[in-house]
N, C-alpha and C. Protein backbone atom coordinates (compact mmCIF):
# COMPACT_ATOMS: atom_id res chain seq x y z
N MET A 1 -37.03 -26.30 12.76
CA MET A 1 -36.84 -25.16 13.45
C MET A 1 -38.10 -24.60 14.22
N ALA A 2 -39.15 -25.40 14.08
CA ALA A 2 -40.38 -25.04 14.84
C ALA A 2 -39.98 -24.92 16.37
N GLY A 3 -40.43 -23.82 16.95
CA GLY A 3 -40.16 -23.66 18.36
C GLY A 3 -38.87 -22.85 18.63
N SER A 4 -38.05 -22.56 17.68
CA SER A 4 -36.83 -21.80 17.96
C SER A 4 -37.03 -20.40 17.53
N GLY A 5 -38.18 -20.09 16.85
CA GLY A 5 -38.43 -18.65 16.53
C GLY A 5 -39.05 -17.93 17.66
N ARG A 6 -39.12 -16.60 17.65
CA ARG A 6 -39.81 -15.84 18.74
C ARG A 6 -41.13 -15.40 18.20
N LEU A 7 -42.06 -15.31 19.16
CA LEU A 7 -43.46 -14.81 18.86
C LEU A 7 -43.42 -13.29 18.78
N LYS A 8 -44.16 -12.72 17.84
CA LYS A 8 -44.30 -11.30 17.79
C LYS A 8 -45.71 -10.88 18.25
N ALA A 9 -46.59 -11.87 18.50
CA ALA A 9 -48.04 -11.57 19.00
C ALA A 9 -48.33 -12.65 20.00
N ALA A 10 -49.32 -12.34 20.84
CA ALA A 10 -49.82 -13.31 21.83
C ALA A 10 -50.63 -14.40 21.11
N VAL A 11 -50.45 -15.61 21.53
CA VAL A 11 -51.08 -16.71 20.84
C VAL A 11 -51.66 -17.63 21.96
N TYR A 12 -52.88 -18.08 21.72
CA TYR A 12 -53.53 -19.03 22.67
C TYR A 12 -53.61 -20.40 21.99
N VAL A 13 -53.08 -21.34 22.67
CA VAL A 13 -53.06 -22.74 22.19
C VAL A 13 -53.55 -23.68 23.32
N GLN A 14 -54.03 -24.93 22.90
CA GLN A 14 -54.31 -25.90 23.93
C GLN A 14 -53.20 -26.87 24.14
N ASP A 15 -52.73 -26.99 25.34
CA ASP A 15 -51.69 -27.93 25.64
C ASP A 15 -52.11 -29.30 25.30
N PRO A 16 -51.40 -30.06 24.43
CA PRO A 16 -51.83 -31.37 24.09
C PRO A 16 -51.87 -32.42 25.18
N ALA A 17 -51.04 -32.23 26.24
CA ALA A 17 -50.94 -33.14 27.36
C ALA A 17 -52.08 -32.92 28.44
N THR A 18 -52.27 -31.66 28.78
CA THR A 18 -53.24 -31.25 29.86
C THR A 18 -54.58 -30.78 29.33
N ARG A 19 -54.61 -30.42 28.07
CA ARG A 19 -55.88 -29.92 27.44
C ARG A 19 -56.20 -28.54 28.01
N GLU A 20 -55.23 -27.84 28.74
CA GLU A 20 -55.52 -26.49 29.26
C GLU A 20 -55.13 -25.48 28.22
N VAL A 21 -55.72 -24.33 28.24
CA VAL A 21 -55.45 -23.27 27.33
C VAL A 21 -54.13 -22.56 27.87
N VAL A 22 -53.16 -22.40 26.98
CA VAL A 22 -51.83 -21.80 27.37
C VAL A 22 -51.83 -20.43 26.49
N VAL A 23 -51.40 -19.44 27.23
CA VAL A 23 -51.22 -18.18 26.62
C VAL A 23 -49.67 -17.94 26.37
N LEU A 24 -49.29 -17.82 25.08
CA LEU A 24 -47.91 -17.61 24.79
C LEU A 24 -47.74 -16.18 24.50
N VAL A 25 -46.86 -15.44 25.17
CA VAL A 25 -46.70 -13.98 25.05
C VAL A 25 -45.68 -13.62 23.98
N PRO A 26 -45.79 -12.35 23.47
CA PRO A 26 -44.80 -11.91 22.50
C PRO A 26 -43.41 -12.00 23.09
N GLY A 27 -42.44 -12.44 22.23
CA GLY A 27 -41.09 -12.57 22.61
C GLY A 27 -40.71 -13.93 23.16
N ALA A 28 -41.75 -14.78 23.45
CA ALA A 28 -41.52 -16.13 23.92
C ALA A 28 -41.01 -17.04 22.82
N ARG A 29 -40.31 -18.06 23.28
CA ARG A 29 -39.84 -19.18 22.43
C ARG A 29 -40.50 -20.39 22.93
N PRO A 30 -41.73 -20.75 22.38
CA PRO A 30 -42.44 -21.84 22.96
C PRO A 30 -41.74 -23.25 22.62
N ALA A 31 -42.11 -24.19 23.44
CA ALA A 31 -41.57 -25.51 23.30
C ALA A 31 -42.07 -26.07 21.98
N PRO A 32 -41.30 -26.97 21.36
CA PRO A 32 -41.62 -27.51 20.09
C PRO A 32 -43.06 -28.09 19.90
N GLU A 33 -43.56 -28.79 20.97
CA GLU A 33 -44.87 -29.36 20.89
C GLU A 33 -45.93 -28.26 20.92
N LEU A 34 -45.70 -27.10 21.51
CA LEU A 34 -46.66 -25.96 21.47
C LEU A 34 -46.47 -25.16 20.24
N ALA A 35 -45.24 -25.01 19.79
CA ALA A 35 -44.89 -24.27 18.51
C ALA A 35 -45.58 -24.88 17.36
N ALA A 36 -45.69 -26.21 17.35
CA ALA A 36 -46.29 -26.99 16.24
C ALA A 36 -47.79 -26.69 16.08
N LEU A 37 -48.42 -26.20 17.21
CA LEU A 37 -49.83 -25.93 17.19
C LEU A 37 -50.06 -24.55 16.62
N ILE A 38 -49.17 -23.67 16.43
CA ILE A 38 -49.32 -22.32 15.97
C ILE A 38 -49.31 -22.37 14.45
N THR A 39 -50.48 -22.11 13.83
CA THR A 39 -50.62 -22.24 12.45
C THR A 39 -50.55 -20.92 11.69
N ASN A 40 -50.59 -19.77 12.40
CA ASN A 40 -50.50 -18.50 11.75
C ASN A 40 -49.04 -18.06 11.64
N PRO A 41 -48.56 -17.95 10.36
CA PRO A 41 -47.14 -17.61 10.16
C PRO A 41 -46.81 -16.19 10.59
N HIS A 42 -47.85 -15.34 10.61
CA HIS A 42 -47.69 -13.95 11.05
C HIS A 42 -47.49 -13.77 12.56
N ALA A 43 -47.62 -14.81 13.35
CA ALA A 43 -47.46 -14.77 14.76
C ALA A 43 -45.91 -14.82 15.11
N TRP A 44 -45.12 -15.23 14.14
CA TRP A 44 -43.64 -15.38 14.38
C TRP A 44 -42.76 -14.19 13.89
N GLU A 45 -41.81 -13.81 14.67
CA GLU A 45 -40.81 -12.88 14.23
C GLU A 45 -39.98 -13.51 13.15
N GLU A 46 -39.49 -14.77 13.46
CA GLU A 46 -38.82 -15.57 12.54
C GLU A 46 -39.70 -16.78 12.24
N PRO A 47 -40.26 -16.87 11.02
CA PRO A 47 -41.16 -17.99 10.80
C PRO A 47 -40.41 -19.33 10.87
N PRO A 48 -41.02 -20.43 11.35
CA PRO A 48 -40.39 -21.70 11.43
C PRO A 48 -39.98 -22.15 10.03
N GLU A 49 -38.94 -22.87 9.84
CA GLU A 49 -38.40 -23.29 8.58
C GLU A 49 -39.38 -24.09 7.81
N ASP A 50 -40.17 -25.01 8.39
CA ASP A 50 -41.03 -25.87 7.72
C ASP A 50 -42.40 -25.13 7.32
N ALA A 51 -42.55 -23.87 7.71
CA ALA A 51 -43.84 -23.20 7.40
C ALA A 51 -43.67 -22.25 6.25
N GLY A 52 -42.45 -22.07 5.72
CA GLY A 52 -42.19 -21.08 4.69
C GLY A 52 -41.92 -21.62 3.32
N ALA A 53 -41.65 -20.76 2.38
CA ALA A 53 -41.30 -21.23 1.00
C ALA A 53 -39.86 -21.61 1.01
N VAL A 54 -39.60 -22.52 0.12
CA VAL A 54 -38.21 -23.04 -0.06
C VAL A 54 -37.36 -22.04 -0.90
N PRO A 55 -36.25 -21.52 -0.46
CA PRO A 55 -35.52 -20.61 -1.27
C PRO A 55 -34.96 -21.25 -2.54
N ILE A 56 -34.82 -20.49 -3.59
CA ILE A 56 -34.32 -21.04 -4.82
C ILE A 56 -32.88 -20.59 -4.99
N ALA A 57 -31.93 -21.46 -5.30
CA ALA A 57 -30.58 -21.11 -5.48
C ALA A 57 -30.49 -20.40 -6.88
N VAL A 58 -29.45 -19.57 -6.97
CA VAL A 58 -29.20 -18.94 -8.28
C VAL A 58 -28.92 -19.99 -9.35
N GLY A 59 -29.57 -19.83 -10.57
CA GLY A 59 -29.37 -20.72 -11.58
C GLY A 59 -30.42 -21.79 -11.71
N GLU A 60 -31.18 -22.00 -10.65
CA GLU A 60 -32.27 -22.91 -10.68
C GLU A 60 -33.51 -22.33 -11.40
N PRO A 61 -34.29 -23.13 -12.05
CA PRO A 61 -35.49 -22.58 -12.67
C PRO A 61 -36.51 -22.11 -11.67
N ASP A 62 -37.28 -21.14 -12.03
CA ASP A 62 -38.39 -20.60 -11.20
C ASP A 62 -39.50 -21.61 -11.21
N PRO A 63 -40.06 -22.06 -10.02
CA PRO A 63 -41.11 -23.07 -10.03
C PRO A 63 -42.41 -22.45 -10.65
N ALA A 64 -42.50 -21.13 -10.74
CA ALA A 64 -43.67 -20.56 -11.31
C ALA A 64 -43.70 -20.62 -12.84
N GLY A 65 -42.45 -21.02 -13.37
CA GLY A 65 -42.37 -21.14 -14.82
C GLY A 65 -41.81 -19.85 -15.42
N PRO A 66 -41.53 -19.94 -16.76
CA PRO A 66 -40.95 -18.73 -17.44
C PRO A 66 -41.98 -17.57 -17.60
N PRO A 67 -41.51 -16.39 -17.63
CA PRO A 67 -42.48 -15.26 -17.83
C PRO A 67 -43.19 -15.46 -19.13
N GLN A 68 -44.53 -15.04 -19.15
CA GLN A 68 -45.32 -15.09 -20.24
C GLN A 68 -45.15 -13.91 -21.19
N PRO A 69 -45.03 -14.08 -22.53
CA PRO A 69 -44.96 -12.91 -23.37
C PRO A 69 -46.10 -12.01 -23.27
N GLY A 70 -45.84 -10.70 -23.25
CA GLY A 70 -46.89 -9.70 -23.20
C GLY A 70 -47.57 -9.60 -21.74
N ALA A 71 -46.74 -10.00 -20.73
CA ALA A 71 -47.27 -10.03 -19.38
C ALA A 71 -46.97 -8.69 -18.70
N GLY A 72 -46.62 -7.66 -19.42
CA GLY A 72 -46.33 -6.30 -18.82
C GLY A 72 -44.93 -6.07 -18.42
N GLY A 73 -44.03 -6.82 -18.93
CA GLY A 73 -42.68 -6.60 -18.58
C GLY A 73 -41.90 -5.52 -19.24
N GLY A 74 -42.46 -5.10 -20.40
CA GLY A 74 -41.66 -4.14 -21.20
C GLY A 74 -42.28 -2.76 -21.14
N ARG A 75 -41.55 -1.70 -21.67
CA ARG A 75 -42.01 -0.35 -21.72
C ARG A 75 -42.69 -0.09 -23.08
N LYS A 76 -43.77 0.68 -22.97
CA LYS A 76 -44.40 0.98 -24.29
C LYS A 76 -43.76 2.14 -24.90
N GLY A 77 -43.28 3.12 -24.15
CA GLY A 77 -42.69 4.27 -24.77
C GLY A 77 -41.93 5.07 -23.74
N THR A 78 -41.36 6.19 -24.12
CA THR A 78 -40.60 6.93 -23.20
C THR A 78 -41.46 7.83 -22.29
N GLY A 79 -42.66 8.11 -22.70
CA GLY A 79 -43.54 8.94 -21.85
C GLY A 79 -43.35 10.43 -22.18
N ALA A 80 -42.38 10.78 -22.94
CA ALA A 80 -42.18 12.19 -23.29
C ALA A 80 -43.08 12.60 -24.39
N ARG A 81 -43.68 13.79 -24.28
CA ARG A 81 -44.55 14.27 -25.34
C ARG A 81 -43.86 15.36 -26.14
N ARG A 82 -44.07 15.40 -27.40
CA ARG A 82 -43.45 16.41 -28.15
C ARG A 82 -44.39 17.55 -28.41
N ARG A 83 -43.97 18.73 -28.31
CA ARG A 83 -44.79 19.93 -28.52
C ARG A 83 -44.50 20.40 -29.90
N PRO A 84 -45.62 20.80 -30.58
CA PRO A 84 -45.41 21.27 -31.92
C PRO A 84 -44.51 22.51 -31.94
N ALA A 85 -43.74 22.65 -33.00
CA ALA A 85 -42.86 23.79 -33.11
C ALA A 85 -43.64 25.05 -33.23
N ALA A 86 -43.18 26.10 -32.61
CA ALA A 86 -43.86 27.42 -32.66
C ALA A 86 -43.74 27.97 -34.06
N ALA A 87 -44.86 28.43 -34.50
CA ALA A 87 -44.83 29.07 -35.87
C ALA A 87 -44.03 30.31 -35.93
N GLU A 88 -43.17 30.48 -36.81
CA GLU A 88 -42.28 31.61 -37.02
C GLU A 88 -42.99 32.64 -37.82
N SER A 89 -42.94 33.91 -37.47
CA SER A 89 -43.56 34.92 -38.29
C SER A 89 -42.56 35.81 -38.98
């Protein structure tokens, strides 16, 4: 999908055929040979397919592995404080 996304920032690249500097303006959809030269994923409104993470289907294991015990996933308490009962006279 490289080259089919739109740019959200101006990008300067060197044309591989002519060796001239080409300015690609925001909103442009550059040719595939120029889009391949853009290495900053933040320059794209829609990042090229081959430059992003591969989505994981539901039910597939997480490539990062299972969560580690004690890694901050649980609550320690309710957060409510109890006030001592007022002394009755």
